[in-house]
Amino acid sequence: MAEPVGIVLVSHSQEAAEAVARLAAALAGGAAGVPVEPAGGLPDGGLGTSAERIGEAARRADRGAGVVVLADLGSAVLTVRALLAEGAEGGLPPGTRLLDAPFLEGAVGAVVSAAGGGDLAAVAAAAEDAYRLRKR
């Protein structure tokens, strides 16, 4: 089986990023082998986003099949966009994509797709399709 797509979860809170990573992996049957990396909070433990933490998480998640990034709130999105705009200097692996997907539901879709062997396009589509899930 090919290497899985990596998944990075960017939140303003390290605890929230870690919890969503655990939940998504558990709902995907453990998602053995799928690199799901939380990147939340500031290095001092405070709330916020850290470009350095995001870059480190993306490099850990990269297995050569691409990396998808899901972000929770506005400044997290802006930080990832800035890193992508910097290209190689931004510290994100080639093939990194910021997804337009809900944070929790998108993470679950991405992890399930990656665990099933989905390529970068399939993993992105699974996460982004989560917007279509109606709750009423």
C-alpha atoms as a PDB file:
ATOM      1  CA  MET A   1       0.000   0.000   0.000  1.00  0.00           C
ATOM      2  CA  ALA A   2       1.216   3.517  -0.793  1.00  0.00           C
ATOM      3  CA  GLU A   3       2.157   5.932   1.926  1.00  0.00           C
ATOM      4  CA  PRO A   4      -0.838   7.803   3.388  1.00  0.00           C
ATOM      5  CA  VAL A   5      -1.648  11.470   3.036  1.00  0.00           C
ATOM      6  CA  GLY A   6      -0.651  13.402   6.144  1.00  0.00           C
ATOM      7  CA  ILE A   7      -3.159  15.474   8.103  1.00  0.00           C
ATOM      8  CA  VAL A   8      -2.411  18.560  10.201  1.00  0.00           C
ATOM      9  CA  LEU A   9      -5.006  20.051  12.542  1.00  0.00           C
ATOM     10  CA  VAL A  10      -4.370  23.718  13.327  1.00  0.00           C
ATOM     11  CA  SER A  11      -6.231  25.150  16.292  1.00  0.00           C
ATOM     12  CA  HIS A  12      -5.826  28.083  18.620  1.00  0.00           C
ATOM     13  CA  SER A  13      -5.671  25.533  21.436  1.00  0.00           C
ATOM     14  CA  GLN A  14      -3.203  22.651  21.699  1.00  0.00           C
ATOM     15  CA  GLU A  15      -5.769  20.716  23.725  1.00  0.00           C
ATOM     16  CA  ALA A  16      -8.462  21.177  21.062  1.00  0.00           C
ATOM     17  CA  ALA A  17      -6.115  20.115  18.250  1.00  0.00           C
ATOM     18  CA  GLU A  18      -5.049  17.016  20.181  1.00  0.00           C
ATOM     19  CA  ALA A  19      -8.641  16.094  21.071  1.00  0.00           C
ATOM     20  CA  VAL A  20      -9.836  16.385  17.459  1.00  0.00           C
ATOM     21  CA  ALA A  21      -6.849  14.298  16.298  1.00  0.00           C
ATOM     22  CA  ARG A  22      -7.693  11.562  18.820  1.00  0.00           C
ATOM     23  CA  LEU A  23     -11.405  11.618  18.002  1.00  0.00           C
ATOM     24  CA  ALA A  24     -10.858  11.501  14.233  1.00  0.00           C
ATOM     25  CA  ALA A  25      -8.421   8.601  14.548  1.00  0.00           C
ATOM     26  CA  ALA A  26     -10.762   6.704  16.890  1.00  0.00           C
ATOM     27  CA  LEU A  27     -13.738   7.171  14.572  1.00  0.00           C
ATOM     28  CA  ALA A  28     -11.617   5.894  11.690  1.00  0.00           C
ATOM     29  CA  GLY A  29     -10.966   2.645  13.535  1.00  0.00           C
ATOM     30  CA  GLY A  30      -7.656   3.781  14.943  1.00  0.00           C
ATOM     31  CA  ALA A  31      -6.382   4.920  11.526  1.00  0.00           C
ATOM     32  CA  ALA A  32      -3.210   2.913  11.930  1.00  0.00           C
ATOM     33  CA  GLY A  33      -0.456   4.426   9.876  1.00  0.00           C
ATOM     34  CA  VAL A  34      -2.230   7.712   9.088  1.00  0.00           C
ATOM     35  CA  PRO A  35      -0.097  10.595  10.322  1.00  0.00           C
ATOM     36  CA  VAL A  36      -2.446  12.999  12.093  1.00  0.00           C
ATOM     37  CA  GLU A  37      -0.573  15.857  13.717  1.00  0.00           C
ATOM     38  CA  PRO A  38      -2.065  18.499  16.004  1.00  0.00           C
ATOM     39  CA  ALA A  39      -0.600  22.005  15.769  1.00  0.00           C
ATOM     40  CA  GLY A  40      -2.250  24.228  18.294  1.00  0.00           C
ATOM     41  CA  GLY A  41      -1.536  27.005  20.662  1.00  0.00           C
ATOM     42  CA  LEU A  42       1.573  29.037  21.209  1.00  0.00           C
ATOM     43  CA  PRO A  43       4.939  27.663  22.355  1.00  0.00           C
ATOM     44  CA  ASP A  44       4.336  29.117  25.837  1.00  0.00           C
ATOM     45  CA  GLY A  45       1.088  27.141  26.128  1.00  0.00           C
ATOM     46  CA  GLY A  46      -1.178  30.096  25.463  1.00  0.00           C
ATOM     47  CA  LEU A  47      -3.959  30.399  22.939  1.00  0.00           C
ATOM     48  CA  GLY A  48      -3.025  31.329  19.379  1.00  0.00           C
ATOM     49  CA  THR A  49      -1.335  29.886  16.348  1.00  0.00           C
ATOM     50  CA  SER A  50       2.348  29.341  15.741  1.00  0.00           C
ATOM     51  CA  ALA A  51       3.831  29.175  12.253  1.00  0.00           C
ATOM     52  CA  GLU A  52       6.721  27.176  13.680  1.00  0.00           C
ATOM     53  CA  ARG A  53       4.406  24.566  15.228  1.00  0.00           C
ATOM     54  CA  ILE A  54       2.413  24.284  12.009  1.00  0.00           C
ATOM     55  CA  GLY A  55       5.572  23.754   9.941  1.00  0.00           C
ATOM     56  CA  GLU A  56       6.898  21.150  12.370  1.00  0.00           C
ATOM     57  CA  ALA A  57       3.579  19.267  12.375  1.00  0.00           C
ATOM     58  CA  ALA A  58       3.411  19.305   8.566  1.00  0.00           C
ATOM     59  CA  ARG A  59       6.942  17.923   8.267  1.00  0.00           C
ATOM     60  CA  ARG A  60       6.108  15.150  10.774  1.00  0.00           C
ATOM     61  CA  ALA A  61       2.915  14.291   8.854  1.00  0.00           C
ATOM     62  CA  ASP A  62       4.604  14.224   5.441  1.00  0.00           C
ATOM     63  CA  ARG A  63       5.135  10.719   4.065  1.00  0.00           C
ATOM     64  CA  GLY A  64       5.496  11.860   0.454  1.00  0.00           C
ATOM     65  CA  ALA A  65       1.823  11.616  -0.557  1.00  0.00           C
ATOM     66  CA  GLY A  66       0.992  15.213   0.353  1.00  0.00           C
ATOM     67  CA  VAL A  67      -0.329  16.915   3.450  1.00  0.00           C
ATOM     68  CA  VAL A  68      -3.751  18.434   4.095  1.00  0.00           C
ATOM     69  CA  VAL A  69      -4.240  21.143   6.699  1.00  0.00           C
ATOM     70  CA  LEU A  70      -7.500  21.936   8.469  1.00  0.00           C
ATOM     71  CA  ALA A  71      -7.719  25.089  10.568  1.00  0.00           C
ATOM     72  CA  ASP A  72     -10.277  26.114  13.167  1.00  0.00           C
ATOM     73  CA  LEU A  73     -10.558  29.923  13.069  1.00  0.00           C
ATOM     74  CA  GLY A  74      -9.579  32.970  11.030  1.00  0.00           C
ATOM     75  CA  SER A  75      -6.057  33.690  12.211  1.00  0.00           C
ATOM     76  CA  ALA A  76      -5.147  29.996  11.984  1.00  0.00           C
ATOM     77  CA  VAL A  77      -6.254  30.094   8.355  1.00  0.00           C
ATOM     78  CA  LEU A  78      -4.265  33.282   7.769  1.00  0.00           C
ATOM     79  CA  THR A  79      -1.133  31.756   9.304  1.00  0.00           C
ATOM     80  CA  VAL A  80      -1.358  28.680   7.073  1.00  0.00           C
ATOM     81  CA  ARG A  81      -2.013  30.859   4.012  1.00  0.00           C
ATOM     82  CA  ALA A  82       1.084  32.918   4.821  1.00  0.00           C
ATOM     83  CA  LEU A  83       3.196  29.771   5.115  1.00  0.00           C
ATOM     84  CA  LEU A  84       1.876  28.483   1.786  1.00  0.00           C
ATOM     85  CA  ALA A  85       2.601  31.844   0.135  1.00  0.00           C
ATOM     86  CA  GLU A  86       6.206  31.663   1.333  1.00  0.00           C
ATOM     87  CA  GLY A  87       6.710  28.437  -0.630  1.00  0.00           C
ATOM     88  CA  ALA A  88       9.695  26.357   0.453  1.00  0.00           C
ATOM     89  CA  GLU A  89      10.751  29.111   2.874  1.00  0.00           C
ATOM     90  CA  GLY A  90       7.467  28.643   4.733  1.00  0.00           C
ATOM     91  CA  GLY A  91       8.613  25.254   5.946  1.00  0.00           C
ATOM     92  CA  LEU A  92       5.638  23.327   4.575  1.00  0.00           C
ATOM     93  CA  PRO A  93       6.320  20.219   2.499  1.00  0.00           C
ATOM     94  CA  PRO A  94       5.536  20.282  -1.225  1.00  0.00           C
ATOM     95  CA  GLY A  95       1.978  19.153  -1.848  1.00  0.00           C
ATOM     96  CA  THR A  96       0.581  20.797   1.291  1.00  0.00           C
ATOM     97  CA  ARG A  97      -3.013  21.977   0.842  1.00  0.00           C
ATOM     98  CA  LEU A  98      -5.157  24.112   3.117  1.00  0.00           C
ATOM     99  CA  LEU A  99      -8.687  22.732   3.001  1.00  0.00           C
ATOM    100  CA  ASP A 100     -11.958  24.621   3.147  1.00  0.00           C
ATOM    101  CA  ALA A 101     -13.639  22.203   5.534  1.00  0.00           C
ATOM    102  CA  PRO A 102     -15.243  22.202   8.971  1.00  0.00           C
ATOM    103  CA  PHE A 103     -12.595  21.453  11.571  1.00  0.00           C
ATOM    104  CA  LEU A 104     -14.020  18.402  13.349  1.00  0.00           C
ATOM    105  CA  GLU A 105     -16.179  16.835  10.640  1.00  0.00           C
ATOM    106  CA  GLY A 106     -13.558  17.569   7.994  1.00  0.00           C
ATOM    107  CA  ALA A 107     -10.851  15.969  10.113  1.00  0.00           C
ATOM    108  CA  VAL A 108     -12.904  12.801  10.471  1.00  0.00           C
ATOM    109  CA  GLY A 109     -13.563  12.650   6.724  1.00  0.00           C
ATOM    110  CA  ALA A 110      -9.894  13.233   5.929  1.00  0.00           C
ATOM    111  CA  VAL A 111      -8.664  10.575   8.339  1.00  0.00           C
ATOM    112  CA  VAL A 112     -11.194   7.989   7.147  1.00  0.00           C
ATOM    113  CA  SER A 113     -10.254   8.648   3.522  1.00  0.00           C
ATOM    114  CA  ALA A 114      -6.507   8.541   4.223  1.00  0.00           C
ATOM    115  CA  ALA A 115      -6.918   5.312   6.221  1.00  0.00           C
ATOM    116  CA  GLY A 116      -8.709   3.807   3.221  1.00  0.00           C
ATOM    117  CA  GLY A 117      -5.788   4.660   0.938  1.00  0.00           C
ATOM    118  CA  GLY A 118      -7.223   7.850  -0.565  1.00  0.00           C
ATOM    119  CA  ASP A 119      -4.821  10.064  -2.470  1.00  0.00           C
ATOM    120  CA  LEU A 120      -4.455  13.796  -1.818  1.00  0.00           C
ATOM    121  CA  ALA A 121      -7.458  14.718  -3.990  1.00  0.00           C
ATOM    122  CA  ALA A 122      -9.684  12.072  -2.367  1.00  0.00           C
ATOM    123  CA  VAL A 123      -8.677  13.048   1.166  1.00  0.00           C
ATOM    124  CA  ALA A 124      -9.307  16.724   0.402  1.00  0.00           C
ATOM    125  CA  ALA A 125     -12.688  15.939  -1.160  1.00  0.00           C
ATOM    126  CA  ALA A 126     -13.744  13.804   1.825  1.00  0.00           C
ATOM    127  CA  ALA A 127     -12.925  16.620   4.235  1.00  0.00           C
ATOM    128  CA  GLU A 128     -14.557  19.321   2.135  1.00  0.00           C
ATOM    129  CA  ASP A 129     -17.679  17.202   1.570  1.00  0.00           C
ATOM    130  CA  ALA A 130     -18.348  17.486   5.301  1.00  0.00           C
ATOM    131  CA  TYR A 131     -19.950  20.871   4.585  1.00  0.00           C
ATOM    132  CA  ARG A 132     -22.816  18.993   2.937  1.00  0.00           C
ATOM    133  CA  LEU A 133     -23.729  17.070   6.069  1.00  0.00           C
ATOM    134  CA  ARG A 134     -26.927  18.657   7.308  1.00  0.00           C
ATOM    135  CA  LYS A 135     -27.741  18.478  10.989  1.00  0.00           C
ATOM    136  CA  ARG A 136     -31.447  19.023  10.621  1.00  0.00           C
END
